[in-house]
C-alpha atoms as a PDB file:
ATOM      1  CA  MET A   1      14.689 -19.768 -17.319  1.00  0.00           C
ATOM      2  CA  SER A   2      12.816 -17.169 -15.314  1.00  0.00           C
ATOM      3  CA  ASN A   3       9.760 -15.398 -16.678  1.00  0.00           C
ATOM      4  CA  PRO A   4      10.464 -11.643 -16.999  1.00  0.00           C
ATOM      5  CA  PHE A   5       6.708 -10.981 -17.112  1.00  0.00           C
ATOM      6  CA  THR A   6       5.813 -12.649 -13.832  1.00  0.00           C
ATOM      7  CA  LEU A   7       4.097 -10.580 -11.153  1.00  0.00           C
ATOM      8  CA  ASN A   8       5.032 -12.937  -8.317  1.00  0.00           C
ATOM      9  CA  ASP A   9       6.060 -10.883  -5.293  1.00  0.00           C
ATOM     10  CA  LYS A  10       6.179  -7.626  -7.281  1.00  0.00           C
ATOM     11  CA  TRP A  11       4.872  -4.613  -5.347  1.00  0.00           C
ATOM     12  CA  ILE A  12       2.292  -2.689  -7.363  1.00  0.00           C
ATOM     13  CA  ILE A  13       0.626   0.550  -6.193  1.00  0.00           C
ATOM     14  CA  VAL A  14      -3.032   0.698  -7.218  1.00  0.00           C
ATOM     15  CA  THR A  15      -4.657   4.096  -6.735  1.00  0.00           C
ATOM     16  CA  GLY A  16      -8.431   4.362  -6.637  1.00  0.00           C
ATOM     17  CA  ALA A  17      -8.478   0.851  -5.188  1.00  0.00           C
ATOM     18  CA  SER A  18     -11.576   1.508  -3.094  1.00  0.00           C
ATOM     19  CA  SER A  19     -13.979   1.037  -6.022  1.00  0.00           C
ATOM     20  CA  GLY A  20     -14.507   0.558  -9.741  1.00  0.00           C
ATOM     21  CA  ILE A  21     -11.641  -0.107 -12.116  1.00  0.00           C
ATOM     22  CA  GLY A  22      -9.017   0.359  -9.382  1.00  0.00           C
ATOM     23  CA  ALA A  23     -10.602  -2.267  -7.122  1.00  0.00           C
ATOM     24  CA  GLU A  24     -11.018  -4.759  -9.957  1.00  0.00           C
ATOM     25  CA  THR A  25      -7.458  -4.211 -11.146  1.00  0.00           C
ATOM     26  CA  ALA A  26      -6.129  -4.813  -7.624  1.00  0.00           C
ATOM     27  CA  LYS A  27      -8.049  -8.104  -7.441  1.00  0.00           C
ATOM     28  CA  ILE A  28      -6.749  -9.304 -10.816  1.00  0.00           C
ATOM     29  CA  LEU A  29      -3.155  -8.333 -10.033  1.00  0.00           C
ATOM     30  CA  SER A  30      -3.363 -10.214  -6.711  1.00  0.00           C
ATOM     31  CA  GLN A  31      -4.642 -13.329  -8.533  1.00  0.00           C
ATOM     32  CA  ASN A  32      -1.531 -13.100 -10.694  1.00  0.00           C
ATOM     33  CA  GLY A  33       0.870 -13.077  -7.745  1.00  0.00           C
ATOM     34  CA  ALA A  34       1.468  -9.356  -7.235  1.00  0.00           C
ATOM     35  CA  ARG A  35       1.569  -7.781  -3.808  1.00  0.00           C
ATOM     36  CA  ILE A  36      -0.680  -4.749  -3.822  1.00  0.00           C
ATOM     37  CA  ILE A  37      -0.533  -1.398  -2.058  1.00  0.00           C
ATOM     38  CA  LEU A  38      -4.187  -0.350  -2.114  1.00  0.00           C
ATOM     39  CA  VAL A  39      -4.434   3.450  -2.147  1.00  0.00           C
ATOM     40  CA  GLY A  40      -7.513   5.604  -1.663  1.00  0.00           C
ATOM     41  CA  ARG A  41      -9.193   8.038   0.696  1.00  0.00           C
ATOM     42  CA  ASN A  42     -11.780   5.702   2.243  1.00  0.00           C
ATOM     43  CA  GLU A  43     -10.217   3.102   4.525  1.00  0.00           C
ATOM     44  CA  SER A  44     -13.372   1.008   4.989  1.00  0.00           C
ATOM     45  CA  ARG A  45     -13.871   0.709   1.222  1.00  0.00           C
ATOM     46  CA  LEU A  46     -10.197  -0.195   0.778  1.00  0.00           C
ATOM     47  CA  GLN A  47     -10.730  -2.891   3.403  1.00  0.00           C
ATOM     48  CA  ASP A  48     -13.723  -4.198   1.412  1.00  0.00           C
ATOM     49  CA  THR A  49     -11.489  -4.503  -1.653  1.00  0.00           C
ATOM     50  CA  LEU A  50      -8.755  -6.191   0.370  1.00  0.00           C
ATOM     51  CA  ASN A  51     -11.222  -8.742   1.722  1.00  0.00           C
ATOM     52  CA  GLN A  52     -12.104  -9.758  -1.857  1.00  0.00           C
ATOM     53  CA  MET A  53      -8.505 -10.218  -2.982  1.00  0.00           C
ATOM     54  CA  TYR A  54      -6.462 -13.372  -3.329  1.00  0.00           C
ATOM     55  CA  ASN A  55      -4.282 -13.854  -0.219  1.00  0.00           C
ATOM     56  CA  PRO A  56      -5.374 -10.655   1.621  1.00  0.00           C
ATOM     57  CA  SER A  57      -2.519 -10.863   4.138  1.00  0.00           C
ATOM     58  CA  ALA A  58       0.028 -10.290   1.317  1.00  0.00           C
ATOM     59  CA  HIS A  59      -1.247  -6.766   0.599  1.00  0.00           C
ATOM     60  CA  VAL A  60      -1.379  -3.436   2.429  1.00  0.00           C
ATOM     61  CA  ILE A  61      -3.807  -0.537   2.675  1.00  0.00           C
ATOM     62  CA  GLU A  62      -2.556   3.038   2.501  1.00  0.00           C
ATOM     63  CA  VAL A  63      -4.990   5.906   3.001  1.00  0.00           C
ATOM     64  CA  LEU A  64      -3.908   8.928   0.976  1.00  0.00           C
ATOM     65  CA  ASP A  65      -5.672  11.844  -0.667  1.00  0.00           C
ATOM     66  CA  LEU A  66      -3.852  12.305  -3.963  1.00  0.00           C
ATOM     67  CA  ASN A  67      -5.170  15.873  -4.157  1.00  0.00           C
ATOM     68  CA  ASP A  68      -2.369  16.719  -1.712  1.00  0.00           C
ATOM     69  CA  SER A  69       0.372  16.420  -4.329  1.00  0.00           C
ATOM     70  CA  ASP A  70       3.002  17.868  -1.975  1.00  0.00           C
ATOM     71  CA  ALA A  71       2.557  14.867   0.365  1.00  0.00           C
ATOM     72  CA  ILE A  72       3.138  12.211  -2.307  1.00  0.00           C
ATOM     73  CA  PRO A  73       6.982  12.088  -2.404  1.00  0.00           C
ATOM     74  CA  SER A  74       7.384  11.656   1.359  1.00  0.00           C
ATOM     75  CA  TRP A  75       4.470   9.197   1.429  1.00  0.00           C
ATOM     76  CA  MET A  76       6.141   7.053  -1.255  1.00  0.00           C
ATOM     77  CA  LYS A  77       9.410   6.977   0.693  1.00  0.00           C
ATOM     78  CA  LYS A  78       7.553   6.006   3.873  1.00  0.00           C
ATOM     79  CA  VAL A  79       5.650   3.183   2.164  1.00  0.00           C
ATOM     80  CA  SER A  80       8.748   1.867   0.403  1.00  0.00           C
ATOM     81  CA  ALA A  81      10.569   1.748   3.734  1.00  0.00           C
ATOM     82  CA  SER A  82       7.638   0.024   5.459  1.00  0.00           C
ATOM     83  CA  ILE A  83       7.384  -2.768   2.848  1.00  0.00           C
ATOM     84  CA  GLY A  84      11.169  -3.115   2.644  1.00  0.00           C
ATOM     85  CA  SER A  85      11.171  -3.050  -1.127  1.00  0.00           C
ATOM     86  CA  PRO A  86      11.012  -0.668  -4.056  1.00  0.00           C
ATOM     87  CA  PHE A  87       7.795  -0.432  -6.034  1.00  0.00           C
ATOM     88  CA  HIS A  88       7.685  -2.432  -9.234  1.00  0.00           C
ATOM     89  CA  GLY A  89       4.678  -0.792 -10.841  1.00  0.00           C
ATOM     90  CA  LEU A  90       1.825   1.685 -10.638  1.00  0.00           C
ATOM     91  CA  ALA A  91      -1.779   1.344 -11.789  1.00  0.00           C
ATOM     92  CA  HIS A  92      -3.353   4.785 -11.458  1.00  0.00           C
ATOM     93  CA  PHE A  93      -7.172   4.826 -11.329  1.00  0.00           C
ATOM     94  CA  ALA A  94      -7.907   7.556  -8.780  1.00  0.00           C
ATOM     95  CA  GLY A  95     -10.296  10.347  -9.661  1.00  0.00           C
ATOM     96  CA  ILE A  96     -12.174  11.178 -12.781  1.00  0.00           C
ATOM     97  CA  GLN A  97     -10.814  12.525 -16.009  1.00  0.00           C
ATOM     98  CA  GLN A  98     -12.179  15.004 -18.482  1.00  0.00           C
ATOM     99  CA  THR A  99     -11.483  13.826 -22.007  1.00  0.00           C
ATOM    100  CA  ILE A 100      -9.737  16.641 -23.860  1.00  0.00           C
ATOM    101  CA  PRO A 101      -6.983  16.689 -26.479  1.00  0.00           C
ATOM    102  CA  LEU A 102      -3.541  16.418 -24.905  1.00  0.00           C
ATOM    103  CA  ARG A 103      -2.271  19.472 -26.781  1.00  0.00           C
ATOM    104  CA  ILE A 104      -4.692  21.771 -24.884  1.00  0.00           C
ATOM    105  CA  LEU A 105      -4.160  20.177 -21.462  1.00  0.00           C
ATOM    106  CA  ASN A 106      -2.554  22.549 -19.002  1.00  0.00           C
ATOM    107  CA  GLU A 107      -2.030  22.497 -15.242  1.00  0.00           C
ATOM    108  CA  LYS A 108      -5.250  24.380 -14.468  1.00  0.00           C
ATOM    109  CA  LYS A 109      -7.334  21.898 -16.489  1.00  0.00           C
ATOM    110  CA  TYR A 110      -5.429  18.973 -14.971  1.00  0.00           C
ATOM    111  CA  ARG A 111      -6.195  20.099 -11.413  1.00  0.00           C
END
């Protein structure tokens, strides 16, 4: 019987992978068999994270500034085509967040 919770060979996008929680999450996911798409703005820091991961050759670095929200859909199609697989998950850790009640969050506050 196969394990439906396995991460083996699952492609997971990790944003904010150049430092902090994003980098640590990428490392843990790689130790559990996932193939990681490390996303961030700083390529050298993404490379530092990649070098600390389990089986670095199984993962890819993608430099992207998520502030350019119009570029994200075409970027996702390009990356999916380049890895030859759909994405299986997303761990979003890019940026910083202001803690406010969800009911008063609007687009201006989000940006």
